[in-house]
Amino acid sequence: TDGSGNLSFGADTGGKILQVAALNYTGTSSVTVPNAGLADTPATVTITSTAANSKFIVSGTISGEGTLNPHTVGFVLRRVIGGSGTSINVGDSSGSKSSVSFMQNMGYFNADNASTPSCSVLSPYLDSPSQAAGTAITYKIDIIGTGDSGTFYFGRTVSDTNDASFERLPNNITVMEVAA
């Protein structure tokens, strides 16, 4: 800030958004979700850094319904650089407990269990991967079974009946590069 408390950014000042990469998947797909194992979701985007040591703000939404109970579906934010993946923004590990970034919202209703999708949101997370300029970084949201396994249907309900009460939903991820 200047002496009057006004916020300003000069040409060499950090904090500026340098670029944005995003994916909005409006189609439908499915994946087999293993118990305590990761599987890919449609929410995957690659961004190539324009500056060294940039920070990245990542947010996203996973929508759909599974054949496994919603309270046993977790999501894990992953960063992949040079083929090596790392789970980021997850809870501390403790024994056999699953470390996840966020859990599926409770859309399940027993009497209506094939037509109650949910929308689970990854709040904006600031990642600092300490990379060189020109580094390709893939950010993705993976799905994990936390006590159950089954099939998860992205963007749709399990039964997908042609009726207004069987909703279609988007899945997305947004990554913003922020100058260091």
N, C-alpha and C. Protein backbone atom coordinates (compact mmCIF):
# COMPACT_ATOMS: atom_id res chain seq x y z
N THR A 1 0.84 -1.18 0.00
CA THR A 1 0.00 0.00 0.00
C THR A 1 0.89 1.24 0.00
N ASP A 2 0.31 2.33 -0.50
CA ASP A 2 1.04 3.59 -0.43
C ASP A 2 0.80 4.23 0.93
N GLY A 3 1.30 5.41 1.19
CA GLY A 3 1.16 6.07 2.48
C GLY A 3 -0.28 6.36 2.88
N SER A 4 -1.20 6.36 1.91
CA SER A 4 -2.61 6.64 2.20
C SER A 4 -3.43 5.37 2.39
N GLY A 5 -2.79 4.22 2.34
CA GLY A 5 -3.50 2.96 2.52
C GLY A 5 -4.10 2.40 1.25
N ASN A 6 -3.77 2.97 0.08
CA ASN A 6 -4.29 2.48 -1.19
C ASN A 6 -3.45 1.31 -1.67
N LEU A 7 -4.09 0.27 -2.16
CA LEU A 7 -3.41 -0.91 -2.67
C LEU A 7 -3.08 -0.69 -4.13
N SER A 8 -1.83 -0.92 -4.50
CA SER A 8 -1.44 -0.78 -5.91
C SER A 8 -0.40 -1.84 -6.23
N PHE A 9 -0.37 -2.23 -7.49
CA PHE A 9 0.59 -3.23 -7.95
C PHE A 9 1.45 -2.61 -9.03
N GLY A 10 2.76 -2.66 -8.84
CA GLY A 10 3.69 -2.20 -9.86
C GLY A 10 3.99 -3.33 -10.83
N ALA A 11 4.81 -3.05 -11.81
CA ALA A 11 5.13 -4.03 -12.84
C ALA A 11 5.81 -5.27 -12.25
N ASP A 12 6.60 -5.14 -11.20
CA ASP A 12 7.35 -6.27 -10.65
C ASP A 12 6.78 -6.75 -9.31
N THR A 13 5.53 -6.39 -9.01
CA THR A 13 4.94 -6.75 -7.73
C THR A 13 4.17 -8.05 -7.85
N GLY A 14 4.29 -8.89 -6.82
CA GLY A 14 3.56 -10.15 -6.82
C GLY A 14 2.08 -9.95 -6.55
N GLY A 15 1.34 -11.02 -6.68
CA GLY A 15 -0.08 -10.99 -6.39
C GLY A 15 -0.97 -10.85 -7.60
N LYS A 16 -0.41 -10.57 -8.77
CA LYS A 16 -1.21 -10.42 -9.98
C LYS A 16 -1.59 -11.79 -10.53
N ILE A 17 -2.79 -11.90 -11.07
CA ILE A 17 -3.20 -13.10 -11.78
C ILE A 17 -2.52 -13.07 -13.14
N LEU A 18 -1.68 -14.07 -13.40
CA LEU A 18 -0.93 -14.12 -14.66
C LEU A 18 -1.70 -14.84 -15.76
N GLN A 19 -2.44 -15.87 -15.39
CA GLN A 19 -3.24 -16.61 -16.38
C GLN A 19 -4.25 -17.49 -15.64
N VAL A 20 -5.24 -17.95 -16.39
CA VAL A 20 -6.27 -18.83 -15.85
C VAL A 20 -6.45 -20.00 -16.81
N ALA A 21 -6.51 -21.21 -16.26
CA ALA A 21 -6.83 -22.41 -17.04
C ALA A 21 -8.04 -23.05 -16.37
N ALA A 22 -9.00 -23.46 -17.18
CA ALA A 22 -10.22 -24.02 -16.61
C ALA A 22 -10.80 -25.08 -17.52
N LEU A 23 -11.55 -25.98 -16.92
CA LEU A 23 -12.29 -27.00 -17.64
C LEU A 23 -13.68 -27.07 -17.05
N ASN A 24 -14.70 -26.99 -17.90
CA ASN A 24 -16.08 -27.17 -17.46
C ASN A 24 -16.64 -28.34 -18.26
N TYR A 25 -16.81 -29.48 -17.59
CA TYR A 25 -17.29 -30.71 -18.23
C TYR A 25 -18.79 -30.83 -17.99
N THR A 26 -19.58 -30.70 -19.06
CA THR A 26 -21.04 -30.75 -18.93
C THR A 26 -21.61 -32.09 -19.38
N GLY A 27 -20.76 -33.01 -19.81
CA GLY A 27 -21.21 -34.33 -20.24
C GLY A 27 -21.38 -35.26 -19.06
N THR A 28 -21.57 -36.53 -19.36
CA THR A 28 -21.70 -37.55 -18.33
C THR A 28 -20.66 -38.64 -18.55
N SER A 29 -20.24 -39.27 -17.47
CA SER A 29 -19.30 -40.38 -17.52
C SER A 29 -19.40 -41.12 -16.19
N SER A 30 -18.67 -42.22 -16.07
CA SER A 30 -18.67 -42.96 -14.81
C SER A 30 -17.29 -43.56 -14.58
N VAL A 31 -17.05 -43.94 -13.33
CA VAL A 31 -15.78 -44.56 -12.97
C VAL A 31 -16.04 -45.55 -11.84
N THR A 32 -15.27 -46.63 -11.82
CA THR A 32 -15.30 -47.56 -10.70
C THR A 32 -14.46 -46.96 -9.58
N VAL A 33 -15.06 -46.81 -8.42
CA VAL A 33 -14.39 -46.20 -7.27
C VAL A 33 -13.93 -47.32 -6.33
N PRO A 34 -12.62 -47.48 -6.17
CA PRO A 34 -12.13 -48.51 -5.24
C PRO A 34 -12.18 -48.03 -3.79
N ASN A 35 -12.36 -48.95 -2.88
CA ASN A 35 -12.29 -48.61 -1.46
C ASN A 35 -10.83 -48.31 -1.13
N ALA A 36 -10.56 -47.13 -0.61
CA ALA A 36 -9.23 -46.68 -0.20
C ALA A 36 -8.26 -46.52 -1.36
N GLY A 37 -8.77 -46.41 -2.59
CA GLY A 37 -7.92 -46.19 -3.75
C GLY A 37 -8.45 -45.03 -4.58
N LEU A 38 -7.58 -44.38 -5.34
CA LEU A 38 -7.96 -43.21 -6.12
C LEU A 38 -8.38 -43.59 -7.53
N ALA A 39 -9.34 -42.83 -8.08
CA ALA A 39 -9.75 -42.94 -9.47
C ALA A 39 -9.91 -41.53 -10.03
N ASP A 40 -9.71 -41.37 -11.32
CA ASP A 40 -9.81 -40.06 -11.95
C ASP A 40 -11.25 -39.59 -12.08
N THR A 41 -11.42 -38.27 -12.08
CA THR A 41 -12.70 -37.62 -12.37
C THR A 41 -12.50 -36.77 -13.62
N PRO A 42 -13.56 -36.21 -14.19
CA PRO A 42 -13.39 -35.33 -15.34
C PRO A 42 -12.70 -34.01 -15.01
N ALA A 43 -12.57 -33.67 -13.72
CA ALA A 43 -12.01 -32.39 -13.30
C ALA A 43 -10.48 -32.44 -13.32
N THR A 44 -9.91 -32.22 -14.50
CA THR A 44 -8.46 -32.23 -14.71
C THR A 44 -8.09 -31.11 -15.66
N VAL A 45 -7.07 -30.33 -15.30
CA VAL A 45 -6.62 -29.25 -16.17
C VAL A 45 -5.11 -29.11 -16.04
N THR A 46 -4.46 -28.77 -17.16
CA THR A 46 -3.01 -28.56 -17.16
C THR A 46 -2.73 -27.09 -17.45
N ILE A 47 -1.81 -26.52 -16.68
CA ILE A 47 -1.41 -25.13 -16.84
C ILE A 47 0.11 -25.11 -16.91
N THR A 48 0.69 -24.30 -17.80
CA THR A 48 2.14 -24.16 -17.90
C THR A 48 2.52 -22.81 -17.31
N SER A 49 3.34 -22.85 -16.26
CA SER A 49 3.68 -21.63 -15.54
C SER A 49 4.40 -20.63 -16.44
N THR A 50 4.10 -19.36 -16.24
CA THR A 50 4.74 -18.30 -17.03
C THR A 50 5.87 -17.63 -16.26
N ALA A 51 5.96 -17.90 -14.96
CA ALA A 51 7.00 -17.31 -14.12
C ALA A 51 7.47 -18.34 -13.10
N ALA A 52 8.68 -18.15 -12.62
CA ALA A 52 9.23 -19.04 -11.59
C ALA A 52 8.55 -18.78 -10.25
N ASN A 53 8.37 -19.85 -9.50
CA ASN A 53 7.83 -19.81 -8.13
C ASN A 53 6.46 -19.15 -8.00
N SER A 54 5.67 -19.25 -9.06
CA SER A 54 4.29 -18.75 -8.97
C SER A 54 3.52 -19.57 -7.96
N LYS A 55 2.43 -19.01 -7.51
CA LYS A 55 1.47 -19.72 -6.68
C LYS A 55 0.26 -20.00 -7.58
N PHE A 56 -0.54 -20.99 -7.20
CA PHE A 56 -1.69 -21.36 -8.01
C PHE A 56 -2.92 -21.50 -7.12
N ILE A 57 -3.99 -20.82 -7.49
CA ILE A 57 -5.26 -20.95 -6.78
C ILE A 57 -6.10 -21.97 -7.53
N VAL A 58 -6.51 -23.03 -6.82
CA VAL A 58 -7.26 -24.12 -7.44
C VAL A 58 -8.63 -24.23 -6.77
N SER A 59 -9.69 -24.33 -7.57
CA SER A 59 -11.04 -24.55 -7.06
C SER A 59 -11.77 -25.45 -8.04
N GLY A 60 -12.85 -26.06 -7.59
CA GLY A 60 -13.58 -26.94 -8.48
C GLY A 60 -14.86 -27.47 -7.88
N THR A 61 -15.61 -28.20 -8.70
CA THR A 61 -16.87 -28.80 -8.30
C THR A 61 -16.96 -30.20 -8.89
N ILE A 62 -17.36 -31.16 -8.06
CA ILE A 62 -17.64 -32.50 -8.53
C ILE A 62 -19.12 -32.77 -8.29
N SER A 63 -19.83 -33.17 -9.35
CA SER A 63 -21.27 -33.38 -9.28
C SER A 63 -21.63 -34.76 -9.81
N GLY A 64 -22.60 -35.38 -9.18
CA GLY A 64 -23.09 -36.67 -9.65
C GLY A 64 -23.62 -37.50 -8.51
N GLU A 65 -23.74 -38.79 -8.77
CA GLU A 65 -24.27 -39.71 -7.78
C GLU A 65 -23.60 -41.07 -7.97
N GLY A 66 -23.45 -41.79 -6.88
CA GLY A 66 -22.81 -43.09 -6.94
C GLY A 66 -23.67 -44.21 -6.39
N THR A 67 -23.22 -45.43 -6.65
CA THR A 67 -23.90 -46.60 -6.10
C THR A 67 -23.39 -46.90 -4.70
N LEU A 68 -22.37 -46.20 -4.26
CA LEU A 68 -21.88 -46.33 -2.90
C LEU A 68 -22.45 -45.20 -2.05
N ASN A 69 -22.52 -45.39 -0.77
CA ASN A 69 -23.12 -44.39 0.10
C ASN A 69 -22.33 -43.08 0.04
N PRO A 70 -23.02 -41.91 -0.05
CA PRO A 70 -22.32 -40.64 -0.16
C PRO A 70 -21.37 -40.35 1.00
N HIS A 71 -21.70 -40.87 2.20
CA HIS A 71 -20.80 -40.59 3.31
C HIS A 71 -19.51 -41.42 3.22
N THR A 72 -19.35 -42.19 2.15
CA THR A 72 -18.11 -42.95 1.94
C THR A 72 -17.41 -42.55 0.65
N VAL A 73 -17.71 -41.35 0.14
CA VAL A 73 -17.08 -40.84 -1.08
C VAL A 73 -16.30 -39.58 -0.74
N GLY A 74 -14.99 -39.62 -0.96
CA GLY A 74 -14.14 -38.46 -0.73
C GLY A 74 -13.49 -38.03 -2.03
N PHE A 75 -12.93 -36.82 -2.02
CA PHE A 75 -12.23 -36.28 -3.18
C PHE A 75 -10.87 -35.78 -2.73
N VAL A 76 -9.86 -35.98 -3.59
CA VAL A 76 -8.48 -35.64 -3.27
C VAL A 76 -7.92 -34.74 -4.37
N LEU A 77 -7.44 -33.56 -3.98
CA LEU A 77 -6.78 -32.67 -4.92
C LEU A 77 -5.37 -33.18 -5.16
N ARG A 78 -4.99 -33.31 -6.45
CA ARG A 78 -3.67 -33.83 -6.81
C ARG A 78 -2.95 -32.84 -7.73
N ARG A 79 -1.62 -32.80 -7.57
CA ARG A 79 -0.75 -32.00 -8.45
C ARG A 79 0.21 -32.98 -9.13
N VAL A 80 0.31 -32.90 -10.45
CA VAL A 80 1.21 -33.78 -11.20
C VAL A 80 2.20 -32.92 -11.96
N ILE A 81 3.50 -33.12 -11.68
CA ILE A 81 4.58 -32.43 -12.40
C ILE A 81 5.55 -33.50 -12.88
N GLY A 82 5.82 -33.53 -14.17
CA GLY A 82 6.77 -34.48 -14.73
C GLY A 82 6.39 -35.93 -14.49
N GLY A 83 5.10 -36.22 -14.45
CA GLY A 83 4.63 -37.59 -14.25
C GLY A 83 4.54 -38.02 -12.80
N SER A 84 5.00 -37.19 -11.88
CA SER A 84 4.96 -37.53 -10.46
C SER A 84 3.80 -36.80 -9.79
N GLY A 85 2.86 -37.57 -9.20
CA GLY A 85 1.68 -36.99 -8.59
C GLY A 85 1.80 -36.90 -7.08
N THR A 86 1.23 -35.83 -6.53
CA THR A 86 1.23 -35.59 -5.09
C THR A 86 -0.16 -35.17 -4.66
N SER A 87 -0.68 -35.75 -3.59
CA SER A 87 -1.94 -35.30 -3.01
C SER A 87 -1.65 -34.03 -2.22
N ILE A 88 -2.44 -32.99 -2.45
CA ILE A 88 -2.24 -31.71 -1.77
C ILE A 88 -3.55 -31.28 -1.11
N ASN A 89 -3.44 -30.43 -0.11
CA ASN A 89 -4.59 -29.92 0.62
C ASN A 89 -5.46 -31.07 1.15
N VAL A 90 -4.80 -32.03 1.78
CA VAL A 90 -5.52 -33.15 2.41
C VAL A 90 -5.27 -33.11 3.91
N GLY A 91 -6.16 -33.76 4.65
CA GLY A 91 -5.99 -33.85 6.09
C GLY A 91 -4.79 -34.70 6.45
N ASP A 92 -4.26 -34.51 7.66
CA ASP A 92 -3.12 -35.29 8.14
C ASP A 92 -3.48 -36.77 8.17
N SER A 93 -2.48 -37.61 7.88
CA SER A 93 -2.70 -39.05 7.96
C SER A 93 -2.68 -39.50 9.41
N SER A 94 -3.50 -40.50 9.70
CA SER A 94 -3.58 -41.05 11.04
C SER A 94 -4.10 -42.47 10.95
N GLY A 95 -3.20 -43.43 11.13
CA GLY A 95 -3.59 -44.83 11.06
C GLY A 95 -4.17 -45.19 9.71
N SER A 96 -5.33 -45.84 9.72
CA SER A 96 -5.98 -46.27 8.48
C SER A 96 -6.98 -45.25 7.95
N LYS A 97 -7.06 -44.09 8.57
CA LYS A 97 -8.02 -43.07 8.15
C LYS A 97 -7.65 -42.51 6.78
N SER A 98 -8.66 -42.18 5.97
CA SER A 98 -8.44 -41.60 4.65
C SER A 98 -8.12 -40.11 4.79
N SER A 99 -7.10 -39.66 4.08
CA SER A 99 -6.76 -38.23 4.01
C SER A 99 -7.35 -37.67 2.72
N VAL A 100 -8.34 -36.79 2.84
CA VAL A 100 -9.03 -36.26 1.67
C VAL A 100 -9.04 -34.73 1.71
N SER A 101 -9.38 -34.14 0.56
CA SER A 101 -9.50 -32.68 0.46
C SER A 101 -10.91 -32.21 0.80
N PHE A 102 -11.92 -33.00 0.40
CA PHE A 102 -13.31 -32.71 0.73
C PHE A 102 -14.14 -33.96 0.51
N MET A 103 -15.33 -33.98 1.11
CA MET A 103 -16.22 -35.14 1.05
C MET A 103 -17.44 -34.83 0.19
N GLN A 104 -18.06 -35.89 -0.33
CA GLN A 104 -19.28 -35.71 -1.10
C GLN A 104 -20.38 -35.16 -0.20
N ASN A 105 -21.11 -34.17 -0.70
CA ASN A 105 -22.26 -33.66 0.03
C ASN A 105 -23.33 -34.74 0.10
N MET A 106 -24.13 -34.70 1.12
CA MET A 106 -25.15 -35.73 1.33
C MET A 106 -26.37 -35.46 0.46
N GLY A 107 -26.40 -36.07 -0.73
CA GLY A 107 -27.55 -35.96 -1.60
C GLY A 107 -28.40 -37.21 -1.52
N TYR A 108 -27.89 -38.24 -0.89
CA TYR A 108 -28.55 -39.54 -0.82
C TYR A 108 -29.80 -39.50 0.05
N PHE A 109 -30.88 -40.05 -0.48
CA PHE A 109 -32.12 -40.22 0.26
C PHE A 109 -32.59 -41.64 -0.02
N ASN A 110 -32.66 -42.48 1.00
CA ASN A 110 -32.86 -43.92 0.83
C ASN A 110 -34.03 -44.28 -0.09
N ALA A 111 -35.18 -43.62 0.05
CA ALA A 111 -36.34 -43.96 -0.78
C ALA A 111 -36.18 -43.46 -2.22
N ASP A 112 -35.14 -42.68 -2.46
CA ASP A 112 -34.95 -42.04 -3.76
C ASP A 112 -33.47 -42.16 -4.15
N ASN A 113 -32.84 -43.29 -3.84
CA ASN A 113 -31.39 -43.39 -3.90
C ASN A 113 -30.78 -43.50 -5.29
N ALA A 114 -31.55 -43.43 -6.34
CA ALA A 114 -30.97 -43.45 -7.68
C ALA A 114 -31.27 -42.16 -8.44
N SER A 115 -31.76 -41.14 -7.72
CA SER A 115 -32.12 -39.89 -8.38
C SER A 115 -31.83 -38.67 -7.52
N THR A 116 -30.82 -38.76 -6.65
CA THR A 116 -30.50 -37.62 -5.78
C THR A 116 -29.01 -37.28 -5.89
N PRO A 117 -28.61 -36.62 -6.99
CA PRO A 117 -27.20 -36.26 -7.13
C PRO A 117 -26.82 -35.14 -6.16
N SER A 118 -25.54 -34.95 -6.00
CA SER A 118 -25.07 -33.85 -5.15
C SER A 118 -23.97 -33.10 -5.89
N CYS A 119 -23.68 -31.93 -5.38
CA CYS A 119 -22.64 -31.07 -5.93
C CYS A 119 -21.68 -30.76 -4.79
N SER A 120 -20.45 -31.25 -4.89
CA SER A 120 -19.45 -31.07 -3.83
C SER A 120 -18.40 -30.08 -4.32
N VAL A 121 -18.05 -29.12 -3.47
CA VAL A 121 -17.22 -27.99 -3.89
C VAL A 121 -15.86 -28.01 -3.21
N LEU A 122 -14.81 -27.85 -4.00
CA LEU A 122 -13.46 -27.62 -3.49
C LEU A 122 -13.29 -26.11 -3.37
N SER A 123 -13.25 -25.61 -2.14
CA SER A 123 -13.04 -24.18 -1.92
C SER A 123 -11.67 -23.79 -2.46
N PRO A 124 -11.49 -22.52 -2.86
CA PRO A 124 -10.19 -22.11 -3.40
C PRO A 124 -9.04 -22.45 -2.46
N TYR A 125 -8.01 -23.07 -3.04
CA TYR A 125 -6.82 -23.48 -2.30
C TYR A 125 -5.60 -22.87 -2.98
N LEU A 126 -4.68 -22.29 -2.20
CA LEU A 126 -3.47 -21.69 -2.73
C LEU A 126 -2.32 -22.68 -2.63
N ASP A 127 -1.81 -23.11 -3.78
CA ASP A 127 -0.71 -24.07 -3.86
C ASP A 127 0.58 -23.35 -4.23
N SER A 128 1.69 -23.76 -3.62
CA SER A 128 3.01 -23.17 -3.88
C SER A 128 3.99 -24.27 -4.25
N PRO A 129 4.01 -24.70 -5.53
CA PRO A 129 4.84 -25.84 -5.90
C PRO A 129 6.33 -25.54 -6.13
N SER A 130 6.79 -24.29 -6.04
CA SER A 130 8.21 -23.93 -6.23
C SER A 130 8.75 -24.49 -7.55
N GLN A 131 8.21 -23.99 -8.66
CA GLN A 131 8.54 -24.51 -9.98
C GLN A 131 9.27 -23.46 -10.81
N ALA A 132 9.92 -23.93 -11.86
CA ALA A 132 10.57 -23.04 -12.82
C ALA A 132 9.52 -22.51 -13.80
N ALA A 133 9.81 -21.40 -14.44
CA ALA A 133 8.93 -20.90 -15.50
C ALA A 133 8.90 -21.95 -16.62
N GLY A 134 7.75 -22.13 -17.24
CA GLY A 134 7.61 -23.10 -18.32
C GLY A 134 7.33 -24.52 -17.84
N THR A 135 6.99 -24.69 -16.57
CA THR A 135 6.69 -26.02 -16.03
C THR A 135 5.21 -26.35 -16.27
N ALA A 136 4.96 -27.50 -16.89
CA ALA A 136 3.58 -27.97 -17.07
C ALA A 136 3.12 -28.64 -15.77
N ILE A 137 2.01 -28.16 -15.23
CA ILE A 137 1.46 -28.69 -13.98
C ILE A 137 0.02 -29.11 -14.24
N THR A 138 -0.28 -30.35 -13.91
CA THR A 138 -1.65 -30.83 -14.02
C THR A 138 -2.27 -30.84 -12.63
N TYR A 139 -3.41 -30.20 -12.50
CA TYR A 139 -4.18 -30.25 -11.27
C TYR A 139 -5.42 -31.08 -11.57
N LYS A 140 -5.74 -31.98 -10.64
CA LYS A 140 -6.91 -32.82 -10.85
C LYS A 140 -7.55 -33.16 -9.52
N ILE A 141 -8.83 -33.45 -9.60
CA ILE A 141 -9.56 -33.91 -8.43
C ILE A 141 -9.84 -35.40 -8.63
N ASP A 142 -9.31 -36.23 -7.77
CA ASP A 142 -9.56 -37.67 -7.82
C ASP A 142 -10.64 -38.04 -6.82
N ILE A 143 -11.24 -39.19 -7.03
CA ILE A 143 -12.29 -39.69 -6.14
C ILE A 143 -11.75 -40.92 -5.41
N ILE A 144 -12.18 -41.10 -4.16
CA ILE A 144 -11.72 -42.23 -3.34
C ILE A 144 -12.91 -42.79 -2.55
N GLY A 145 -12.97 -44.11 -2.47
CA GLY A 145 -13.95 -44.74 -1.60
C GLY A 145 -13.38 -44.78 -0.19
N THR A 146 -14.13 -44.29 0.76
CA THR A 146 -13.66 -44.26 2.16
C THR A 146 -14.50 -45.20 3.01
N GLY A 147 -14.44 -46.48 2.69
CA GLY A 147 -15.20 -47.47 3.43
C GLY A 147 -16.15 -48.25 2.55
N ASP A 148 -16.22 -47.93 1.27
CA ASP A 148 -17.13 -48.59 0.34
C ASP A 148 -16.52 -48.49 -1.06
N SER A 149 -16.97 -49.32 -1.96
CA SER A 149 -16.58 -49.23 -3.36
C SER A 149 -17.84 -49.29 -4.21
N GLY A 150 -17.74 -48.89 -5.45
CA GLY A 150 -18.90 -48.90 -6.34
C GLY A 150 -18.63 -48.05 -7.56
N THR A 151 -19.69 -47.59 -8.19
CA THR A 151 -19.58 -46.77 -9.40
C THR A 151 -20.08 -45.37 -9.09
N PHE A 152 -19.35 -44.36 -9.58
CA PHE A 152 -19.79 -42.98 -9.44
C PHE A 152 -20.10 -42.46 -10.83
N TYR A 153 -21.26 -41.81 -10.96
CA TYR A 153 -21.71 -41.27 -12.24
C TYR A 153 -21.58 -39.75 -12.20
N PHE A 154 -20.70 -39.20 -13.03
CA PHE A 154 -20.45 -37.76 -13.06
C PHE A 154 -21.50 -37.08 -13.93
N GLY A 155 -22.05 -35.99 -13.42
CA GLY A 155 -22.97 -35.17 -14.19
C GLY A 155 -24.38 -35.72 -14.31
N ARG A 156 -24.70 -36.79 -13.58
CA ARG A 156 -26.02 -37.40 -13.72
C ARG A 156 -26.38 -38.20 -12.48
N THR A 157 -27.60 -38.70 -12.45
CA THR A 157 -28.05 -39.60 -11.40
C THR A 157 -27.69 -41.03 -11.77
N VAL A 158 -27.81 -41.95 -10.84
CA VAL A 158 -27.49 -43.36 -11.11
C VAL A 158 -28.40 -43.92 -12.19
N SER A 159 -29.72 -43.76 -12.04
CA SER A 159 -30.65 -44.39 -12.99
C SER A 159 -30.82 -43.58 -14.27
N ASP A 160 -30.59 -42.28 -14.27
CA ASP A 160 -30.59 -41.42 -15.45
C ASP A 160 -31.89 -41.50 -16.26
N THR A 161 -33.03 -41.62 -15.57
CA THR A 161 -34.34 -41.67 -16.21
C THR A 161 -34.64 -40.33 -16.87
N ASN A 162 -35.35 -40.35 -17.99
CA ASN A 162 -35.71 -39.12 -18.70
C ASN A 162 -36.91 -38.47 -18.02
N ASP A 163 -36.63 -37.73 -16.95
CA ASP A 163 -37.66 -37.08 -16.14
C ASP A 163 -37.02 -35.86 -15.49
N ALA A 164 -37.81 -34.83 -15.22
CA ALA A 164 -37.28 -33.58 -14.65
C ALA A 164 -36.61 -33.77 -13.30
N SER A 165 -36.95 -34.82 -12.57
CA SER A 165 -36.37 -35.02 -11.24
C SER A 165 -35.05 -35.80 -11.28
N PHE A 166 -34.52 -36.07 -12.47
CA PHE A 166 -33.22 -36.74 -12.64
C PHE A 166 -32.27 -35.73 -13.29
N GLU A 167 -31.63 -34.92 -12.45
CA GLU A 167 -30.89 -33.74 -12.89
C GLU A 167 -29.58 -34.08 -13.61
N ARG A 168 -29.13 -33.13 -14.42
CA ARG A 168 -27.81 -33.14 -15.04
C ARG A 168 -27.02 -31.98 -14.45
N LEU A 169 -25.74 -32.20 -14.12
CA LEU A 169 -24.92 -31.21 -13.43
C LEU A 169 -23.54 -31.13 -14.08
N PRO A 170 -22.87 -29.97 -14.01
CA PRO A 170 -21.51 -29.86 -14.54
C PRO A 170 -20.46 -30.28 -13.52
N ASN A 171 -19.28 -30.60 -14.02
CA ASN A 171 -18.08 -30.82 -13.20
C ASN A 171 -17.03 -29.86 -13.73
N ASN A 172 -16.27 -29.22 -12.82
CA ASN A 172 -15.30 -28.25 -13.31
C ASN A 172 -14.12 -28.09 -12.38
N ILE A 173 -13.08 -27.47 -12.92
CA ILE A 173 -11.89 -27.12 -12.15
C ILE A 173 -11.32 -25.84 -12.77
N THR A 174 -10.85 -24.94 -11.91
CA THR A 174 -10.24 -23.68 -12.33
C THR A 174 -8.92 -23.50 -11.61
N VAL A 175 -7.87 -23.12 -12.37
CA VAL A 175 -6.54 -22.88 -11.81
C VAL A 175 -6.10 -21.50 -12.26
N MET A 176 -5.70 -20.66 -11.29
CA MET A 176 -5.20 -19.32 -11.58
C MET A 176 -3.75 -19.22 -11.14
N GLU A 177 -2.87 -18.82 -12.06
CA GLU A 177 -1.47 -18.59 -11.70
C GLU A 177 -1.34 -17.18 -11.13
N VAL A 178 -0.71 -17.09 -9.95
CA VAL A 178 -0.54 -15.82 -9.26
C VAL A 178 0.95 -15.52 -9.17
N ALA A 179 1.36 -14.32 -9.54
CA ALA A 179 2.77 -13.94 -9.47
C ALA A 179 3.28 -13.99 -8.02
N ALA A 180 4.49 -14.51 -7.86
CA ALA A 180 5.08 -14.62 -6.52
C ALA A 180 5.47 -13.26 -5.98
